[in-house]
Amino acid sequence: MSIAELLAKAEEAYDNRDLETALEYYLLVYEQVKDDVWLLITIALLCDELGKYDDAITFYEEALQIDATNPIAYYGLAIVYENLKDYDKAISYYKEAISYWPEYTEAHFFLANLYDDIGETNLAIYHYQQAIESDPKYFFAYLNLGSVYENLNENEQALECFEQALKLRKDNHLLYYNFGVVYRKLNRIEESIKAYEKCLEIEPTYANAYLNLALLYKDFYHDLDKAIEIYSQGLQYHPFHTVLLYNRACCYALLKLDDLALQDLKKVIELDPSFRDYILVDDELSNLHKFF
């Protein structure tokens, strides 16, 4: 079989998500052509996708022996080492990729994600900003940067980022969830409610939105029946969600519906016995402490 035929077979297998077969065909090409950087990177990417991280590293390093300035190979190594939880090496390879391609949007973005994960917030902000500068239409860079600002309680800046993201996409449930969080912190309660409702319209299974939306009705409007209704809707999708169950139990207890509260709390403890400690110090459940 010719190289062209092998490549066509590899691409067909990859399109059909038969990754092992695709890799076999690419390796057959590799037996005939060992100095093609893009072939080596393609094989490395496939190995990474298949979780064959040692092989991926080998092929990326082989590519760099041919082209020591290839930013995509450095980026690929960064992804592999991040998957392996070797964050120092991942960071160093992201930086190498950026040094050879300063406007490498994905490298800036994923380096920012990594910095955010390890608590290097200022560096995360910088690289999200660089990703946006290189690609002003990078929706997820705005979304993630806004989340960083929200975590810092810089809510107006967070809102600006989310508003920029909204100009690019209106179909992402996490964006509306984040709007809900920020509006809540800015005491814009009606807007927060609408944002959570929009989140759930797009993604009806998103448990955190049910939790936060119910808390708004409970804490701001003291509408316990509405809160219970929302918790119950969430529990239809997540019947073993301990936090939804626990919070619904609190609402039942405040309404003196002790039997219903006890049903939820007993289920919570079956799922996670550590909740017993919370129950025993929760004032909202004071009438039920004797049962635990």
Foldseek 3Di string as FASTA:
>chain_A
DDLVVLQVQLVVCVVVVVLVSSLVSLVVSCVVPVQDLVSLQVNLVSCVVVVVLVSSLVSLVSSCVNPVQALSSLQSNLVSVVVVVVNVSNLVSLVSSCVSPVLPLVSLQVNLVSCVVVVVLVSSLVSLVSSCVSPVLPLVSLQVNLVSCVVVVVLVSSVVSLVSSCVNDDQALSSLQSVLSSCVVVVVNVSNLVSLVSSCVNPVQDLVSLVSNLVSCCPPVVPLVVSLVSLVSNCVNVVLDLVSLQVNLLSCLLVVVNVSSVVSVVSSCVSPVVCLVVLCPDPSNVVPPVVD
